[in-house]
N, C-alpha and C. Protein backbone atom coordinates (compact mmCIF):
# COMPACT_ATOMS: atom_id res chain seq x y z
N MET A 1 0.63 -0.94 0.19
CA MET A 1 0.02 0.35 -0.01
C MET A 1 0.89 1.17 -0.02
N ARG A 2 1.70 1.33 1.14
CA ARG A 2 2.86 2.75 0.85
C ARG A 2 3.57 2.82 -0.50
N ARG A 3 3.98 1.74 -0.93
CA ARG A 3 4.41 1.99 -2.72
C ARG A 3 3.58 3.11 -3.92
N MET A 4 2.08 2.33 -3.59
CA MET A 4 1.22 3.04 -4.58
C MET A 4 0.19 4.32 -4.11
N SER A 5 0.28 4.55 -2.32
CA SER A 5 -0.27 5.41 -2.02
C SER A 5 -0.39 6.77 -1.92
N SER A 6 1.55 7.04 -2.41
CA SER A 6 1.47 8.88 -2.76
C SER A 6 1.69 8.51 -4.46
N ARG A 7 1.35 7.99 -5.31
CA ARG A 7 1.25 7.99 -6.86
C ARG A 7 0.09 8.52 -7.50
N GLY A 8 -0.81 8.75 -6.68
CA GLY A 8 -2.14 8.86 -7.15
C GLY A 8 -2.69 7.29 -8.20
N ALA A 9 -3.23 7.51 -9.10
CA ALA A 9 -3.62 6.23 -9.52
C ALA A 9 -2.26 5.87 -10.59
N VAL A 10 -1.83 4.57 -10.40
CA VAL A 10 -0.99 3.50 -11.26
C VAL A 10 -1.49 2.92 -12.05
N LYS A 11 -0.94 2.68 -13.32
CA LYS A 11 -1.26 1.65 -14.31
C LYS A 11 -0.42 0.67 -13.72
N LEU A 12 -1.01 -0.42 -13.69
CA LEU A 12 -0.49 -2.21 -13.28
C LEU A 12 0.55 -2.17 -14.73
N SER A 13 1.01 -1.83 -15.53
CA SER A 13 1.92 -1.72 -16.96
C SER A 13 3.10 -0.63 -16.51
N ALA A 14 2.97 0.22 -15.67
CA ALA A 14 4.13 0.81 -15.09
C ALA A 14 4.95 0.25 -13.53
N ILE A 15 4.34 -0.94 -13.14
CA ILE A 15 4.91 -1.47 -12.02
C ILE A 15 5.73 -2.45 -12.30
N GLU A 16 5.50 -3.36 -13.77
CA GLU A 16 6.45 -4.23 -14.19
C GLU A 16 6.90 -5.39 -13.22
N SER A 17 7.39 -5.33 -11.87
CA SER A 17 7.77 -6.54 -11.54
C SER A 17 7.64 -6.23 -10.22
N ILE A 18 6.79 -7.40 -9.19
CA ILE A 18 6.83 -6.95 -8.06
C ILE A 18 6.92 -8.51 -7.16
N ASP A 19 7.36 -8.05 -5.23
CA ASP A 19 7.75 -9.20 -4.53
C ASP A 19 6.41 -10.22 -4.65
N GLU A 20 6.33 -11.46 -3.77
CA GLU A 20 5.48 -11.95 -3.60
C GLU A 20 4.62 -11.72 -2.74
N ARG A 21 5.14 -10.77 -1.68
CA ARG A 21 3.94 -10.07 -0.72
C ARG A 21 3.75 -8.90 -1.37
N GLU A 22 3.63 -8.63 -1.95
CA GLU A 22 3.16 -7.16 -2.89
C GLU A 22 2.55 -7.81 -3.59
N PHE A 23 2.28 -9.33 -4.63
CA PHE A 23 1.77 -10.01 -5.57
C PHE A 23 0.54 -10.16 -4.67
N ARG A 24 0.59 -10.99 -3.18
CA ARG A 24 -0.62 -11.79 -2.93
C ARG A 24 -1.45 -9.90 -2.84
N HIS A 25 -1.32 -9.07 -1.71
CA HIS A 25 -1.75 -8.02 -1.67
C HIS A 25 -2.53 -7.59 -3.22
N LEU A 26 -2.08 -7.27 -4.09
CA LEU A 26 -2.54 -6.98 -5.33
C LEU A 26 -3.83 -7.92 -5.72
N LEU A 27 -3.52 -9.20 -5.42
CA LEU A 27 -4.37 -10.39 -6.33
C LEU A 27 -5.63 -10.23 -5.13
N ALA A 28 -5.44 -9.57 -3.62
CA ALA A 28 -6.30 -9.55 -2.76
C ALA A 28 -7.17 -8.12 -3.34
N TRP A 29 -6.57 -7.44 -3.27
CA TRP A 29 -6.77 -6.31 -3.60
C TRP A 29 -8.20 -6.12 -4.58
N ILE A 30 -7.79 -6.90 -5.92
CA ILE A 30 -8.54 -6.54 -6.88
C ILE A 30 -9.50 -7.73 -7.06
N SER A 31 -9.40 -8.56 -5.77
CA SER A 31 -10.66 -9.77 -5.34
C SER A 31 -11.52 -9.10 -5.07
N ARG A 32 -11.50 -8.01 -4.11
CA ARG A 32 -12.08 -7.28 -2.85
C ARG A 32 -13.07 -6.38 -4.42
N ALA A 33 -12.02 -5.91 -4.63
CA ALA A 33 -12.74 -4.77 -5.76
C ALA A 33 -13.87 -5.14 -6.49
N TYR A 34 -13.50 -6.64 -7.11
CA TYR A 34 -14.39 -7.30 -8.06
C TYR A 34 -15.78 -8.28 -7.24
N GLU A 35 -15.82 -7.72 -5.33
CA GLU A 35 -16.53 -8.33 -4.85
C GLU A 35 -17.77 -7.29 -4.97
N GLY A 36 -17.88 -6.22 -5.26
CA GLY A 36 -18.93 -5.50 -5.04
C GLY A 36 -19.01 -4.88 -6.48
N PRO A 37 -19.97 -3.89 -7.13
CA PRO A 37 -20.66 -3.71 -8.37
C PRO A 37 -19.53 -2.52 -8.45
N ALA A 38 -19.43 -2.48 -9.28
CA ALA A 38 -18.95 -1.17 -10.70
C ALA A 38 -19.43 0.02 -10.90
N ARG A 39 -19.24 0.93 -10.67
CA ARG A 39 -20.62 2.09 -10.94
C ARG A 39 -20.26 2.36 -12.81
N ARG A 40 -20.67 3.49 -12.48
CA ARG A 40 -21.14 3.64 -14.27
C ARG A 40 -19.55 3.74 -15.44
N ASP A 41 -18.46 3.99 -14.83
CA ASP A 41 -17.68 4.02 -15.25
C ASP A 41 -16.54 3.22 -15.70
N GLY A 42 -17.18 2.06 -14.49
CA GLY A 42 -16.40 0.66 -14.23
C GLY A 42 -15.42 0.48 -13.42
N THR A 43 -15.43 1.80 -12.54
CA THR A 43 -14.79 1.74 -11.69
C THR A 43 -15.55 0.92 -10.23
N ARG A 44 -14.42 0.39 -9.61
CA ARG A 44 -14.50 -0.43 -8.69
C ARG A 44 -13.40 0.00 -7.38
N HIS A 45 -14.23 -0.37 -5.98
CA HIS A 45 -14.22 0.02 -4.84
C HIS A 45 -13.82 -1.00 -3.97
N ALA A 46 -12.84 -0.98 -2.72
CA ALA A 46 -12.62 -2.12 -1.94
C ALA A 46 -11.95 -1.06 -0.72
N SER A 47 -11.88 -1.66 0.36
CA SER A 47 -11.17 -1.36 1.40
C SER A 47 -10.19 -2.29 1.47
N SER A 48 -8.61 -2.12 2.23
CA SER A 48 -7.87 -2.42 2.48
C SER A 48 -8.25 -3.25 3.44
N SER A 49 -7.62 -4.60 3.99
CA SER A 49 -7.98 -5.60 4.66
C SER A 49 -7.57 -4.90 6.03
N ASP A 50 -6.85 -3.93 6.47
CA ASP A 50 -6.65 -3.17 7.50
C ASP A 50 -7.69 -2.34 7.75
N GLY A 51 -8.20 -1.98 6.95
CA GLY A 51 -9.51 -0.62 6.79
C GLY A 51 -8.84 0.54 7.21
N ARG A 52 -7.59 0.95 7.29
CA ARG A 52 -6.88 2.12 6.84
C ARG A 52 -6.69 2.80 5.81
N ALA A 53 -7.57 2.19 3.99
CA ALA A 53 -7.56 2.78 3.32
C ALA A 53 -8.22 2.21 1.85
N THR A 54 -8.89 2.91 0.71
CA THR A 54 -10.00 2.62 0.20
C THR A 54 -8.97 2.53 -1.24
N ILE A 55 -9.17 1.06 -1.93
CA ILE A 55 -8.80 1.10 -2.89
C ILE A 55 -9.76 1.59 -4.20
N ALA A 56 -9.31 1.75 -5.58
CA ALA A 56 -10.05 2.11 -6.30
C ALA A 56 -9.50 1.29 -7.35
N LEU A 57 -10.16 0.80 -8.30
CA LEU A 57 -9.53 -0.13 -9.14
C LEU A 57 -10.22 0.57 -10.61
N LEU A 58 -9.41 0.64 -11.71
CA LEU A 58 -9.87 2.09 -13.10
C LEU A 58 -9.85 1.19 -13.91
N PRO A 59 -10.88 0.72 -14.68
CA PRO A 59 -10.32 -0.25 -15.90
C PRO A 59 -9.87 0.57 -16.99
N PRO A 60 -9.01 0.13 -17.63
CA PRO A 60 -8.59 0.97 -18.88
C PRO A 60 -9.70 0.64 -20.69
N ARG A 61 -9.91 1.91 -20.72
CA ARG A 61 -10.52 2.28 -21.84
C ARG A 61 -10.74 1.26 -23.00
N HIS A 62 -9.89 0.03 -23.49
CA HIS A 62 -9.94 -1.12 -24.17
C HIS A 62 -9.35 -2.28 -23.92
N PRO A 63 -9.92 -2.87 -22.24
CA PRO A 63 -9.16 -3.85 -21.95
C PRO A 63 -8.83 -4.65 -23.12
N GLU A 64 -9.45 -5.06 -24.11
CA GLU A 64 -8.78 -6.21 -24.68
C GLU A 64 -7.55 -5.52 -25.42
N ARG A 65 -7.44 -4.35 -25.63
CA ARG A 65 -6.10 -4.27 -26.08
C ARG A 65 -4.79 -3.81 -25.20
N GLU A 66 -5.49 -2.86 -23.93
CA GLU A 66 -4.72 -2.63 -23.10
C GLU A 66 -4.53 -3.44 -21.73
N ARG A 67 -3.42 -3.98 -21.98
CA ARG A 67 -2.96 -5.46 -21.33
C ARG A 67 -1.26 -4.86 -20.73
N ALA A 68 -1.36 -5.47 -19.21
CA ALA A 68 -0.40 -4.85 -18.52
C ALA A 68 0.28 -6.79 -18.78
N ARG A 69 1.92 -6.68 -18.27
CA ARG A 69 2.43 -8.11 -17.99
C ARG A 69 3.50 -7.95 -16.67
N LEU A 70 3.28 -8.30 -15.57
CA LEU A 70 3.85 -8.15 -14.69
C LEU A 70 4.70 -9.55 -14.25
N ARG A 71 5.92 -8.85 -14.20
CA ARG A 71 6.84 -10.07 -13.52
C ARG A 71 6.84 -10.54 -12.08
N VAL A 72 5.90 -11.89 -11.62
CA VAL A 72 5.81 -11.94 -10.44
C VAL A 72 6.86 -13.39 -9.99
N PRO A 73 6.54 -13.45 -8.50
CA PRO A 73 7.76 -15.03 -8.18
C PRO A 73 7.46 -15.87 -8.47
N HIS A 74 6.40 -16.30 -9.64
CA HIS A 74 6.17 -17.86 -10.30
C HIS A 74 5.79 -17.55 -11.63
N GLY A 75 6.27 -16.82 -11.92
CA GLY A 75 6.51 -16.44 -14.01
C GLY A 75 5.63 -14.97 -14.01
N THR A 76 4.67 -15.13 -15.26
CA THR A 76 4.28 -13.65 -15.59
C THR A 76 2.80 -13.56 -15.51
N LEU A 77 2.23 -12.16 -15.15
CA LEU A 77 1.09 -12.42 -15.02
C LEU A 77 0.00 -11.48 -15.91
N GLU A 78 -0.23 -11.83 -16.78
CA GLU A 78 -1.07 -10.79 -17.62
C GLU A 78 -2.42 -10.34 -17.53
N LEU A 79 -3.37 -9.49 -17.43
CA LEU A 79 -4.21 -9.01 -17.18
C LEU A 79 -4.69 -7.49 -17.75
N PRO A 80 -5.88 -6.87 -17.76
CA PRO A 80 -6.01 -5.43 -18.13
C PRO A 80 -4.95 -5.00 -17.68
N ASP A 81 -4.88 -3.31 -18.02
CA ASP A 81 -3.72 -2.82 -17.41
C ASP A 81 -4.94 -1.77 -16.87
N PHE A 82 -5.10 -2.12 -15.59
CA PHE A 82 -5.80 -1.12 -14.63
C PHE A 82 -5.04 -0.28 -14.05
N ARG A 83 -5.78 0.95 -13.47
CA ARG A 83 -5.10 1.91 -12.52
C ARG A 83 -5.80 1.56 -11.32
N ILE A 84 -4.52 1.57 -10.54
CA ILE A 84 -4.91 1.19 -8.83
C ILE A 84 -4.65 2.63 -8.05
N GLU A 85 -5.73 3.19 -7.40
CA GLU A 85 -5.45 4.47 -6.65
C GLU A 85 -5.69 4.14 -5.05
N VAL A 86 -4.46 4.27 -4.54
CA VAL A 86 -4.72 3.81 -3.12
C VAL A 86 -5.08 5.41 -2.42
N LEU A 87 -6.45 5.68 -1.68
CA LEU A 87 -6.58 6.56 -1.29
C LEU A 87 -6.71 6.17 0.57
N GLU A 88 -5.65 6.88 1.36
CA GLU A 88 -5.24 6.86 2.53
C GLU A 88 -6.60 7.41 3.74
N ARG A 89 -7.52 7.17 4.28
CA ARG A 89 -8.17 7.52 5.21
C ARG A 89 -8.02 8.40 6.17
C-alpha cells in the first residue's frame, strides 16, 4: 500500500515487477474490488484489509488492447492494464 499510496492512480504496466508479498496484496485488492458492483464508469472500490485505505480499481478504456504484464515470483501475469489508486483514510 505504501508503494502506491503516494503516486496517485498507477497503471499496472508501470509496476513491471513485484515481490511475492506485494503480489498477494495486489491479488487480494483486485478480488475485493470485484466483489462489489462497478460504478457507471466501470470503477470498483474496496477497503484495504486493515481498513486504513480505500482502493480504487479503474478499468482501461480498451481492456482487450490495453494489457499489463507483471513479472511475479512464479512467472508472468497478464491482465487488463488497470489503474490502481490507494486513498488513505
